[in-house]
Amino acid sequence: MTVKETEGLDTVLFGSGRELVDIKCFRGDREDVTGADIKGQIHSALMQKRMNRATISDSPPHSGVTKVNVREFVAGLAAA
């Protein structure tokens, strides 16, 4: 299964035939994260898992950036 450039994030996560996996997205230190960036990172994680190259972390990376309300962040992505 490949992910086409035209597929949206919802298709990558919830499309037909997708396996339910636990994916955590960490904000990092960038201020200009886009939906395409998130889609690319999730696609990369899914491919790493499929090829048995995924590493499992027991804690999120420390970025030093202040906490963000995820609901507001996602709402901002939807508005863009």
N, C-alpha and C. Protein backbone atom coordinates (compact mmCIF):
# COMPACT_ATOMS: atom_id res chain seq x y z
N MET A 1 0.84 -1.17 0.00
CA MET A 1 0.00 0.00 0.00
C MET A 1 0.89 1.23 0.00
N THR A 2 0.61 2.13 -0.87
CA THR A 2 1.37 3.38 -0.92
C THR A 2 0.45 4.54 -0.61
N VAL A 3 1.04 5.62 -0.18
CA VAL A 3 0.27 6.82 0.09
C VAL A 3 0.55 7.81 -1.02
N LYS A 4 -0.50 8.21 -1.71
CA LYS A 4 -0.34 9.17 -2.80
C LYS A 4 -0.23 10.58 -2.23
N GLU A 5 0.42 11.43 -2.97
CA GLU A 5 0.61 12.82 -2.55
C GLU A 5 -0.73 13.53 -2.34
N THR A 6 -1.76 13.11 -3.09
CA THR A 6 -3.05 13.79 -3.02
C THR A 6 -3.91 13.32 -1.87
N GLU A 7 -3.53 12.23 -1.19
CA GLU A 7 -4.33 11.74 -0.08
C GLU A 7 -4.17 12.65 1.12
N GLY A 8 -5.27 12.90 1.81
CA GLY A 8 -5.24 13.74 3.00
C GLY A 8 -4.83 12.96 4.24
N LEU A 9 -4.62 13.68 5.32
CA LEU A 9 -4.23 13.06 6.58
C LEU A 9 -5.28 12.07 7.05
N ASP A 10 -6.56 12.40 6.87
CA ASP A 10 -7.62 11.48 7.29
C ASP A 10 -7.54 10.15 6.55
N THR A 11 -7.18 10.18 5.27
CA THR A 11 -7.03 8.95 4.49
C THR A 11 -5.84 8.14 4.99
N VAL A 12 -4.74 8.82 5.30
CA VAL A 12 -3.54 8.14 5.80
C VAL A 12 -3.86 7.43 7.12
N LEU A 13 -4.63 8.09 7.98
CA LEU A 13 -4.92 7.52 9.30
C LEU A 13 -6.10 6.55 9.30
N PHE A 14 -7.15 6.86 8.55
CA PHE A 14 -8.41 6.13 8.69
C PHE A 14 -8.92 5.51 7.40
N GLY A 15 -8.11 5.47 6.36
CA GLY A 15 -8.54 4.93 5.08
C GLY A 15 -8.86 3.45 5.14
N SER A 16 -9.52 2.98 4.12
CA SER A 16 -9.91 1.58 4.03
C SER A 16 -8.69 0.66 4.13
N GLY A 17 -8.83 -0.37 4.94
CA GLY A 17 -7.76 -1.35 5.07
C GLY A 17 -6.63 -0.95 5.99
N ARG A 18 -6.74 0.16 6.68
CA ARG A 18 -5.68 0.62 7.57
C ARG A 18 -5.72 -0.17 8.88
N GLU A 19 -4.57 -0.47 9.42
CA GLU A 19 -4.44 -1.14 10.70
C GLU A 19 -4.43 -0.09 11.80
N LEU A 20 -5.13 -0.35 12.89
CA LEU A 20 -5.16 0.57 14.02
C LEU A 20 -3.83 0.49 14.76
N VAL A 21 -3.12 1.60 14.84
CA VAL A 21 -1.86 1.66 15.56
C VAL A 21 -1.87 2.88 16.46
N ASP A 22 -1.05 2.86 17.49
CA ASP A 22 -0.95 3.96 18.44
C ASP A 22 0.18 4.88 17.98
N ILE A 23 -0.17 6.05 17.49
CA ILE A 23 0.82 7.01 16.99
C ILE A 23 0.76 8.25 17.86
N LYS A 24 1.90 8.68 18.34
CA LYS A 24 1.98 9.92 19.13
C LYS A 24 2.77 10.94 18.32
N CYS A 25 2.22 12.12 18.19
CA CYS A 25 2.91 13.20 17.49
C CYS A 25 3.36 14.23 18.51
N PHE A 26 4.63 14.54 18.50
CA PHE A 26 5.17 15.53 19.41
C PHE A 26 5.46 16.80 18.64
N ARG A 27 5.16 17.91 19.25
CA ARG A 27 5.24 19.20 18.59
C ARG A 27 6.65 19.55 18.13
N GLY A 28 7.64 19.28 18.93
CA GLY A 28 8.99 19.68 18.58
C GLY A 28 9.18 21.16 18.80
N ASP A 29 10.16 21.76 18.13
CA ASP A 29 10.45 23.17 18.37
C ASP A 29 10.15 24.07 17.18
N ARG A 30 9.47 23.54 16.17
CA ARG A 30 9.11 24.36 15.01
C ARG A 30 7.81 25.12 15.27
N GLU A 31 7.74 26.33 14.78
CA GLU A 31 6.52 27.13 14.91
C GLU A 31 5.61 27.02 13.70
N ASP A 32 6.11 26.46 12.61
CA ASP A 32 5.38 26.47 11.34
C ASP A 32 5.02 25.06 10.84
N VAL A 33 4.50 24.22 11.72
CA VAL A 33 4.13 22.85 11.35
C VAL A 33 2.85 22.89 10.54
N THR A 34 2.83 22.16 9.43
CA THR A 34 1.65 22.11 8.56
C THR A 34 1.02 20.72 8.60
N GLY A 35 -0.18 20.62 8.08
CA GLY A 35 -0.83 19.33 7.96
C GLY A 35 -0.01 18.38 7.11
N ALA A 36 0.61 18.91 6.07
CA ALA A 36 1.46 18.08 5.20
C ALA A 36 2.67 17.54 5.97
N ASP A 37 3.23 18.35 6.86
CA ASP A 37 4.35 17.90 7.69
C ASP A 37 3.92 16.72 8.58
N ILE A 38 2.76 16.88 9.21
CA ILE A 38 2.25 15.83 10.09
C ILE A 38 1.97 14.56 9.29
N LYS A 39 1.32 14.73 8.13
CA LYS A 39 1.03 13.58 7.26
C LYS A 39 2.32 12.86 6.88
N GLY A 40 3.34 13.61 6.52
CA GLY A 40 4.61 13.00 6.13
C GLY A 40 5.26 12.23 7.26
N GLN A 41 5.20 12.78 8.47
CA GLN A 41 5.79 12.10 9.62
C GLN A 41 5.02 10.84 9.98
N ILE A 42 3.69 10.90 9.90
CA ILE A 42 2.88 9.72 10.20
C ILE A 42 3.11 8.64 9.14
N HIS A 43 3.17 9.05 7.89
CA HIS A 43 3.45 8.08 6.82
C HIS A 43 4.80 7.43 7.05
N SER A 44 5.80 8.21 7.41
CA SER A 44 7.13 7.67 7.68
C SER A 44 7.08 6.67 8.84
N ALA A 45 6.35 7.00 9.91
CA ALA A 45 6.25 6.10 11.06
C ALA A 45 5.58 4.79 10.67
N LEU A 46 4.50 4.88 9.87
CA LEU A 46 3.81 3.67 9.44
C LEU A 46 4.70 2.79 8.57
N MET A 47 5.49 3.41 7.69
CA MET A 47 6.39 2.64 6.84
C MET A 47 7.50 1.99 7.67
N GLN A 48 8.03 2.71 8.66
CA GLN A 48 9.05 2.14 9.54
C GLN A 48 8.49 0.94 10.30
N LYS A 49 7.25 1.05 10.77
CA LYS A 49 6.62 -0.06 11.48
C LYS A 49 6.45 -1.24 10.55
N ARG A 50 5.98 -0.98 9.34
CA ARG A 50 5.74 -2.06 8.38
C ARG A 50 7.03 -2.80 8.04
N MET A 51 8.15 -2.08 7.99
CA MET A 51 9.44 -2.69 7.64
C MET A 51 10.21 -3.16 8.88
N ASN A 52 9.54 -3.14 10.05
CA ASN A 52 10.17 -3.54 11.31
C ASN A 52 11.42 -2.73 11.63
N ARG A 53 11.39 -1.45 11.31
CA ARG A 53 12.51 -0.56 11.61
C ARG A 53 12.12 0.52 12.61
N ALA A 54 10.92 0.43 13.16
CA ALA A 54 10.45 1.44 14.10
C ALA A 54 11.12 1.25 15.46
N THR A 55 11.47 2.36 16.08
CA THR A 55 11.99 2.32 17.44
C THR A 55 10.89 2.82 18.37
N ILE A 56 10.84 2.25 19.55
CA ILE A 56 9.81 2.60 20.51
C ILE A 56 10.43 3.42 21.62
N SER A 57 9.83 4.58 21.90
CA SER A 57 10.31 5.46 22.95
C SER A 57 9.35 5.40 24.12
N ASP A 58 9.89 5.39 25.33
CA ASP A 58 9.01 5.37 26.49
C ASP A 58 8.72 6.77 27.02
N SER A 59 9.29 7.78 26.40
CA SER A 59 9.01 9.16 26.82
C SER A 59 9.18 10.10 25.63
N PRO A 60 8.44 11.20 25.62
CA PRO A 60 8.57 12.15 24.51
C PRO A 60 9.90 12.89 24.57
N PRO A 61 10.37 13.34 23.42
CA PRO A 61 11.60 14.13 23.43
C PRO A 61 11.36 15.47 24.12
N HIS A 62 12.36 15.99 24.79
CA HIS A 62 12.24 17.29 25.47
C HIS A 62 12.62 18.38 24.49
N SER A 63 11.71 19.32 24.24
CA SER A 63 11.98 20.38 23.27
C SER A 63 12.27 21.72 23.92
N GLY A 64 11.86 21.91 25.17
CA GLY A 64 12.07 23.19 25.81
C GLY A 64 11.05 24.25 25.41
N VAL A 65 10.10 23.89 24.57
CA VAL A 65 9.06 24.81 24.12
C VAL A 65 7.88 24.70 25.08
N THR A 66 7.19 25.82 25.31
CA THR A 66 6.05 25.80 26.22
C THR A 66 4.96 24.88 25.70
N LYS A 67 4.14 24.35 26.61
CA LYS A 67 3.07 23.44 26.24
C LYS A 67 2.04 24.15 25.39
N VAL A 68 1.40 23.37 24.51
CA VAL A 68 0.40 23.89 23.58
C VAL A 68 -0.91 23.14 23.79
N ASN A 69 -2.02 23.86 23.76
CA ASN A 69 -3.32 23.23 23.81
C ASN A 69 -3.55 22.56 22.46
N VAL A 70 -3.62 21.22 22.45
CA VAL A 70 -3.72 20.48 21.20
C VAL A 70 -5.00 20.80 20.45
N ARG A 71 -6.10 20.98 21.16
CA ARG A 71 -7.37 21.31 20.48
C ARG A 71 -7.24 22.62 19.71
N GLU A 72 -6.62 23.62 20.32
CA GLU A 72 -6.43 24.91 19.64
C GLU A 72 -5.47 24.77 18.47
N PHE A 73 -4.42 23.96 18.65
CA PHE A 73 -3.45 23.74 17.57
C PHE A 73 -4.12 23.11 16.36
N VAL A 74 -4.90 22.06 16.60
CA VAL A 74 -5.58 21.36 15.50
C VAL A 74 -6.62 22.27 14.84
N ALA A 75 -7.32 23.06 15.65
CA ALA A 75 -8.29 24.00 15.09
C ALA A 75 -7.59 25.01 14.19
N GLY A 76 -6.39 25.41 14.57
CA GLY A 76 -5.61 26.33 13.73
C GLY A 76 -5.20 25.69 12.42
N LEU A 77 -4.89 24.40 12.44
CA LEU A 77 -4.55 23.68 11.19
C LEU A 77 -5.75 23.61 10.26
N ALA A 78 -6.92 23.36 10.86
CA ALA A 78 -8.13 23.24 10.06
C ALA A 78 -8.51 24.58 9.43
N ALA A 79 -8.19 25.67 10.13
CA ALA A 79 -8.53 27.01 9.62
C ALA A 79 -7.59 27.45 8.50
N ALA A 80 -6.40 26.87 8.44
CA ALA A 80 -5.40 27.29 7.45
C ALA A 80 -5.73 26.81 6.06
